[in-house]
């Protein structure tokens, strides 16, 4: 699985996005949030800097959601029973996604305040 050309690595990445979409409700919810923010940017005719900042923040939020799903899937595979140590791992991964998404929300609010 390791190695391969850029085309093969791109296929792996796209498969991961498909799996995140199919398996992770939070990842799908993030897509709706992203469309809402992009629509808001368009309606408000935001400055290009806001487009860049918010698109990057949204992409990072999606990446964190995908990584959180991967960590949770791996943890469940390694320890299918409830385990306090696994709960900590899963909660910390979830916290990382939460913080990234909170920062994105704050950026969206700052954009609204600046562009209003």
N, C-alpha and C. Protein backbone atom coordinates (compact mmCIF):
# COMPACT_ATOMS: atom_id res chain seq x y z
N UNK A 1 0.82 -1.19 0.00
CA UNK A 1 0.00 0.00 0.00
C UNK A 1 0.86 1.25 0.00
N UNK A 2 1.99 1.20 0.68
CA UNK A 2 2.88 2.36 0.71
C UNK A 2 3.52 2.53 -0.65
N UNK A 3 3.78 3.76 -1.01
CA UNK A 3 4.42 4.03 -2.29
C UNK A 3 3.38 4.24 -3.38
N UNK A 4 3.81 3.99 -4.59
CA UNK A 4 2.92 4.23 -5.71
C UNK A 4 3.06 5.66 -6.18
N UNK A 5 2.56 5.91 -7.34
CA UNK A 5 2.64 7.25 -7.91
C UNK A 5 1.57 8.16 -7.33
N UNK A 6 1.59 9.38 -7.81
CA UNK A 6 0.64 10.38 -7.33
C UNK A 6 -0.79 9.97 -7.64
N UNK A 7 -1.00 9.30 -8.78
CA UNK A 7 -2.36 8.88 -9.13
C UNK A 7 -2.87 7.86 -8.12
N UNK A 8 -2.04 6.91 -7.75
CA UNK A 8 -2.46 5.89 -6.77
C UNK A 8 -2.70 6.52 -5.41
N UNK A 9 -1.84 7.41 -4.99
CA UNK A 9 -2.02 8.07 -3.69
C UNK A 9 -3.28 8.93 -3.68
N UNK A 10 -3.58 9.54 -4.84
CA UNK A 10 -4.82 10.33 -4.95
C UNK A 10 -6.03 9.41 -4.82
N UNK A 11 -5.98 8.23 -5.41
CA UNK A 11 -7.10 7.29 -5.29
C UNK A 11 -7.29 6.87 -3.83
N UNK A 12 -6.20 6.64 -3.11
CA UNK A 12 -6.32 6.31 -1.68
C UNK A 12 -6.98 7.45 -0.92
N UNK A 13 -6.57 8.67 -1.21
CA UNK A 13 -7.14 9.83 -0.52
C UNK A 13 -8.62 9.99 -0.83
N UNK A 14 -8.99 9.83 -2.08
CA UNK A 14 -10.41 9.94 -2.46
C UNK A 14 -11.23 8.83 -1.83
N UNK A 15 -10.65 7.63 -1.72
CA UNK A 15 -11.34 6.54 -1.03
C UNK A 15 -11.56 6.90 0.44
N UNK A 16 -10.57 7.54 1.05
CA UNK A 16 -10.70 7.97 2.43
C UNK A 16 -11.80 9.01 2.60
N UNK A 17 -11.90 9.94 1.66
CA UNK A 17 -12.99 10.93 1.70
C UNK A 17 -14.35 10.25 1.56
N UNK A 18 -14.42 9.29 0.65
CA UNK A 18 -15.68 8.54 0.47
C UNK A 18 -16.04 7.81 1.76
N UNK A 19 -15.06 7.15 2.38
CA UNK A 19 -15.31 6.43 3.63
C UNK A 19 -15.73 7.39 4.74
N UNK A 20 -15.09 8.53 4.83
CA UNK A 20 -15.46 9.52 5.84
C UNK A 20 -16.90 9.98 5.62
N UNK A 21 -17.26 10.21 4.37
CA UNK A 21 -18.63 10.63 4.04
C UNK A 21 -19.64 9.55 4.44
N UNK A 22 -19.32 8.31 4.14
CA UNK A 22 -20.25 7.21 4.40
C UNK A 22 -20.35 6.86 5.88
N UNK A 23 -19.25 6.99 6.62
CA UNK A 23 -19.21 6.47 7.99
C UNK A 23 -19.39 7.54 9.06
N UNK A 24 -19.06 8.77 8.76
CA UNK A 24 -18.99 9.80 9.81
C UNK A 24 -20.06 10.87 9.63
N UNK A 25 -21.03 10.86 10.53
CA UNK A 25 -22.10 11.85 10.49
C UNK A 25 -21.54 13.27 10.66
N UNK A 26 -20.54 13.42 11.53
CA UNK A 26 -19.94 14.74 11.76
C UNK A 26 -19.27 15.26 10.49
N UNK A 27 -18.68 14.37 9.71
CA UNK A 27 -18.04 14.78 8.46
C UNK A 27 -19.11 15.30 7.48
N UNK A 28 -20.23 14.61 7.41
CA UNK A 28 -21.32 15.07 6.53
C UNK A 28 -21.90 16.39 7.02
N UNK A 29 -22.06 16.54 8.33
CA UNK A 29 -22.56 17.80 8.89
C UNK A 29 -21.60 18.94 8.58
N UNK A 30 -20.31 18.64 8.60
CA UNK A 30 -19.32 19.67 8.29
C UNK A 30 -19.47 20.14 6.85
N UNK A 31 -19.86 19.27 5.95
CA UNK A 31 -20.07 19.67 4.56
C UNK A 31 -21.21 20.69 4.46
N UNK A 32 -22.27 20.45 5.20
CA UNK A 32 -23.40 21.39 5.22
C UNK A 32 -22.95 22.74 5.79
N UNK A 33 -22.18 22.69 6.87
CA UNK A 33 -21.63 23.91 7.48
C UNK A 33 -20.77 24.65 6.46
N UNK A 34 -19.93 23.92 5.73
CA UNK A 34 -19.04 24.53 4.74
C UNK A 34 -19.85 25.21 3.63
N UNK A 35 -20.87 24.54 3.14
CA UNK A 35 -21.71 25.15 2.10
C UNK A 35 -22.40 26.41 2.61
N UNK A 36 -22.83 26.38 3.86
CA UNK A 36 -23.47 27.56 4.47
C UNK A 36 -22.49 28.73 4.54
N UNK A 37 -21.28 28.46 4.99
CA UNK A 37 -20.27 29.51 5.11
C UNK A 37 -19.90 30.05 3.73
N UNK A 38 -19.72 29.16 2.76
CA UNK A 38 -19.38 29.61 1.40
C UNK A 38 -20.52 30.44 0.79
N UNK A 39 -21.75 30.03 1.06
CA UNK A 39 -22.89 30.82 0.61
C UNK A 39 -22.92 32.19 1.25
N UNK A 40 -22.61 32.24 2.52
CA UNK A 40 -22.55 33.51 3.25
C UNK A 40 -21.45 34.42 2.67
N UNK A 41 -20.30 33.82 2.38
CA UNK A 41 -19.23 34.59 1.75
C UNK A 41 -19.69 35.21 0.43
N UNK A 42 -20.41 34.42 -0.36
CA UNK A 42 -20.88 34.91 -1.66
C UNK A 42 -21.93 36.01 -1.50
N UNK A 43 -22.89 35.78 -0.62
CA UNK A 43 -23.96 36.75 -0.41
C UNK A 43 -23.41 38.07 0.12
N UNK A 44 -22.44 37.98 1.02
CA UNK A 44 -21.88 39.19 1.61
C UNK A 44 -20.81 39.82 0.73
N UNK A 45 -20.49 39.17 -0.38
CA UNK A 45 -19.41 39.65 -1.27
C UNK A 45 -18.16 39.97 -0.46
N UNK A 46 -17.76 38.97 0.32
CA UNK A 46 -16.62 39.13 1.22
C UNK A 46 -15.33 39.36 0.44
N UNK A 47 -14.41 40.03 1.09
CA UNK A 47 -13.09 40.27 0.51
C UNK A 47 -12.38 38.94 0.26
N UNK A 48 -11.50 38.90 -0.73
CA UNK A 48 -10.79 37.65 -1.03
C UNK A 48 -10.03 37.06 0.16
N UNK A 49 -9.53 37.90 1.05
CA UNK A 49 -8.80 37.37 2.20
C UNK A 49 -9.71 36.50 3.06
N UNK A 50 -10.99 36.90 3.21
CA UNK A 50 -11.93 36.09 3.99
C UNK A 50 -12.21 34.77 3.31
N UNK A 51 -12.30 34.78 1.98
CA UNK A 51 -12.48 33.53 1.24
C UNK A 51 -11.31 32.58 1.53
N UNK A 52 -10.11 33.11 1.43
CA UNK A 52 -8.93 32.28 1.66
C UNK A 52 -8.87 31.74 3.07
N UNK A 53 -9.09 32.60 4.04
CA UNK A 53 -9.01 32.20 5.44
C UNK A 53 -10.08 31.16 5.77
N UNK A 54 -11.31 31.42 5.34
CA UNK A 54 -12.40 30.51 5.70
C UNK A 54 -12.35 29.20 4.91
N UNK A 55 -11.95 29.24 3.66
CA UNK A 55 -11.81 27.98 2.91
C UNK A 55 -10.73 27.11 3.56
N UNK A 56 -9.63 27.73 3.95
CA UNK A 56 -8.57 26.98 4.64
C UNK A 56 -9.08 26.42 5.97
N UNK A 57 -9.78 27.23 6.74
CA UNK A 57 -10.30 26.77 8.03
C UNK A 57 -11.31 25.65 7.85
N UNK A 58 -12.18 25.77 6.85
CA UNK A 58 -13.16 24.70 6.58
C UNK A 58 -12.46 23.41 6.16
N UNK A 59 -11.46 23.53 5.32
CA UNK A 59 -10.72 22.34 4.88
C UNK A 59 -10.01 21.68 6.06
N UNK A 60 -9.43 22.49 6.94
CA UNK A 60 -8.78 21.92 8.12
C UNK A 60 -9.79 21.25 9.04
N UNK A 61 -10.96 21.84 9.17
CA UNK A 61 -12.01 21.21 9.97
C UNK A 61 -12.43 19.86 9.40
N UNK A 62 -12.56 19.80 8.08
CA UNK A 62 -12.90 18.52 7.44
C UNK A 62 -11.78 17.50 7.64
N UNK A 63 -10.54 17.96 7.54
CA UNK A 63 -9.40 17.07 7.75
C UNK A 63 -9.41 16.53 9.18
N UNK A 64 -9.68 17.40 10.15
CA UNK A 64 -9.74 16.95 11.55
C UNK A 64 -10.88 15.96 11.76
N UNK A 65 -12.03 16.21 11.12
CA UNK A 65 -13.15 15.27 11.24
C UNK A 65 -12.78 13.91 10.65
N UNK A 66 -12.12 13.91 9.50
CA UNK A 66 -11.70 12.65 8.88
C UNK A 66 -10.68 11.93 9.77
N UNK A 67 -9.72 12.66 10.30
CA UNK A 67 -8.71 12.05 11.17
C UNK A 67 -9.35 11.53 12.45
N UNK A 68 -10.29 12.27 13.01
CA UNK A 68 -11.00 11.82 14.19
C UNK A 68 -11.71 10.50 13.90
N UNK A 69 -12.36 10.41 12.76
CA UNK A 69 -13.03 9.16 12.39
C UNK A 69 -12.05 8.01 12.24
N UNK A 70 -10.88 8.29 11.67
CA UNK A 70 -9.86 7.25 11.52
C UNK A 70 -9.35 6.78 12.87
N UNK A 71 -9.10 7.72 13.78
CA UNK A 71 -8.63 7.36 15.13
C UNK A 71 -9.69 6.52 15.84
N UNK A 72 -10.95 6.92 15.74
CA UNK A 72 -12.02 6.17 16.40
C UNK A 72 -12.16 4.77 15.80
N UNK A 73 -12.08 4.66 14.48
CA UNK A 73 -12.18 3.35 13.83
C UNK A 73 -11.03 2.45 14.25
N UNK A 74 -9.82 2.98 14.31
CA UNK A 74 -8.67 2.20 14.74
C UNK A 74 -8.80 1.79 16.19
N UNK A 75 -9.23 2.70 17.04
CA UNK A 75 -9.41 2.38 18.46
C UNK A 75 -10.45 1.28 18.64
N UNK A 76 -11.55 1.36 17.90
CA UNK A 76 -12.59 0.33 17.99
C UNK A 76 -12.09 -1.01 17.47
N UNK A 77 -11.25 -0.97 16.46
CA UNK A 77 -10.70 -2.21 15.91
C UNK A 77 -9.76 -2.88 16.92
N UNK A 78 -8.94 -2.08 17.58
CA UNK A 78 -7.97 -2.62 18.53
C UNK A 78 -8.61 -3.04 19.85
N UNK A 79 -9.65 -2.32 20.25
CA UNK A 79 -10.31 -2.62 21.52
C UNK A 79 -11.82 -2.43 21.36
N UNK A 80 -12.52 -3.49 20.89
CA UNK A 80 -13.96 -3.34 20.62
C UNK A 80 -14.82 -3.17 21.88
N UNK A 81 -14.31 -3.58 23.03
CA UNK A 81 -15.06 -3.41 24.28
C UNK A 81 -14.79 -2.03 24.86
N UNK A 82 -15.70 -1.58 25.70
CA UNK A 82 -15.50 -0.28 26.35
C UNK A 82 -14.26 -0.33 27.23
N UNK A 83 -13.45 0.68 27.08
CA UNK A 83 -12.20 0.73 27.83
C UNK A 83 -11.90 2.19 28.15
N UNK A 84 -11.64 2.52 29.41
CA UNK A 84 -11.38 3.92 29.77
C UNK A 84 -10.21 4.54 29.00
N UNK A 85 -9.18 3.76 28.73
CA UNK A 85 -8.03 4.30 27.99
C UNK A 85 -8.40 4.62 26.55
N UNK A 86 -9.20 3.77 25.94
CA UNK A 86 -9.64 4.03 24.56
C UNK A 86 -10.58 5.24 24.53
N UNK A 87 -11.41 5.38 25.56
CA UNK A 87 -12.30 6.54 25.63
C UNK A 87 -11.50 7.83 25.64
N UNK A 88 -10.40 7.87 26.38
CA UNK A 88 -9.55 9.06 26.44
C UNK A 88 -8.99 9.37 25.05
N UNK A 89 -8.51 8.35 24.36
CA UNK A 89 -7.96 8.55 23.01
C UNK A 89 -9.03 9.13 22.08
N UNK A 90 -10.21 8.52 22.11
CA UNK A 90 -11.29 8.98 21.23
C UNK A 90 -11.75 10.38 21.60
N UNK A 91 -11.84 10.67 22.89
CA UNK A 91 -12.26 12.00 23.32
C UNK A 91 -11.24 13.07 22.92
N UNK A 92 -9.96 12.73 23.02
CA UNK A 92 -8.94 13.71 22.65
C UNK A 92 -8.95 13.98 21.15
N UNK A 93 -9.16 12.95 20.35
CA UNK A 93 -9.26 13.15 18.90
C UNK A 93 -10.49 13.99 18.57
N UNK A 94 -11.58 13.72 19.26
CA UNK A 94 -12.80 14.51 19.06
C UNK A 94 -12.59 15.96 19.48
N UNK A 95 -11.85 16.17 20.56
CA UNK A 95 -11.57 17.53 21.02
C UNK A 95 -10.77 18.32 19.98
N UNK A 96 -9.85 17.65 19.30
CA UNK A 96 -9.07 18.33 18.26
C UNK A 96 -9.99 18.82 17.14
N UNK A 97 -10.91 17.95 16.70
CA UNK A 97 -11.86 18.36 15.67
C UNK A 97 -12.76 19.48 16.17
N UNK A 98 -13.20 19.37 17.42
CA UNK A 98 -14.07 20.39 18.02
C UNK A 98 -13.38 21.75 18.04
N UNK A 99 -12.13 21.78 18.45
CA UNK A 99 -11.40 23.05 18.52
C UNK A 99 -11.22 23.66 17.13
N UNK A 100 -10.89 22.84 16.14
CA UNK A 100 -10.75 23.35 14.77
C UNK A 100 -12.08 23.92 14.28
N UNK A 101 -13.16 23.24 14.58
CA UNK A 101 -14.48 23.72 14.12
C UNK A 101 -14.93 24.96 14.88
N UNK A 102 -14.59 25.05 16.17
CA UNK A 102 -14.90 26.27 16.92
C UNK A 102 -14.13 27.46 16.35
N UNK A 103 -12.87 27.24 16.01
CA UNK A 103 -12.07 28.33 15.42
C UNK A 103 -12.68 28.77 14.10
N UNK A 104 -13.16 27.83 13.30
CA UNK A 104 -13.79 28.18 12.03
C UNK A 104 -15.05 29.00 12.28
N UNK A 105 -15.84 28.59 13.25
CA UNK A 105 -17.04 29.35 13.59
C UNK A 105 -16.71 30.77 14.03
N UNK A 106 -15.67 30.90 14.83
CA UNK A 106 -15.24 32.22 15.28
C UNK A 106 -14.78 33.07 14.10
N UNK A 107 -14.03 32.46 13.18
CA UNK A 107 -13.61 33.20 11.98
C UNK A 107 -14.82 33.66 11.17
N UNK A 108 -15.82 32.80 11.06
CA UNK A 108 -17.03 33.19 10.32
C UNK A 108 -17.72 34.37 10.99
N UNK A 109 -17.79 34.34 12.31
CA UNK A 109 -18.39 35.47 13.04
C UNK A 109 -17.58 36.75 12.87
N UNK A 110 -16.26 36.62 12.89
CA UNK A 110 -15.40 37.79 12.68
C UNK A 110 -15.60 38.36 11.28
N UNK A 111 -15.76 37.49 10.30
CA UNK A 111 -15.99 37.94 8.93
C UNK A 111 -17.32 38.68 8.84
N UNK A 112 -18.34 38.16 9.47
CA UNK A 112 -19.64 38.83 9.45
C UNK A 112 -19.53 40.20 10.09
N UNK A 113 -18.87 40.28 11.23
CA UNK A 113 -18.70 41.58 11.91
C UNK A 113 -17.89 42.55 11.07
N UNK A 114 -16.86 42.07 10.40
CA UNK A 114 -15.99 42.96 9.61
C UNK A 114 -16.67 43.40 8.31
N UNK A 115 -17.46 42.52 7.72
CA UNK A 115 -18.06 42.82 6.41
C UNK A 115 -19.43 43.44 6.49
N UNK A 116 -20.06 43.38 7.64
CA UNK A 116 -21.44 43.87 7.80
C UNK A 116 -21.51 45.32 7.55
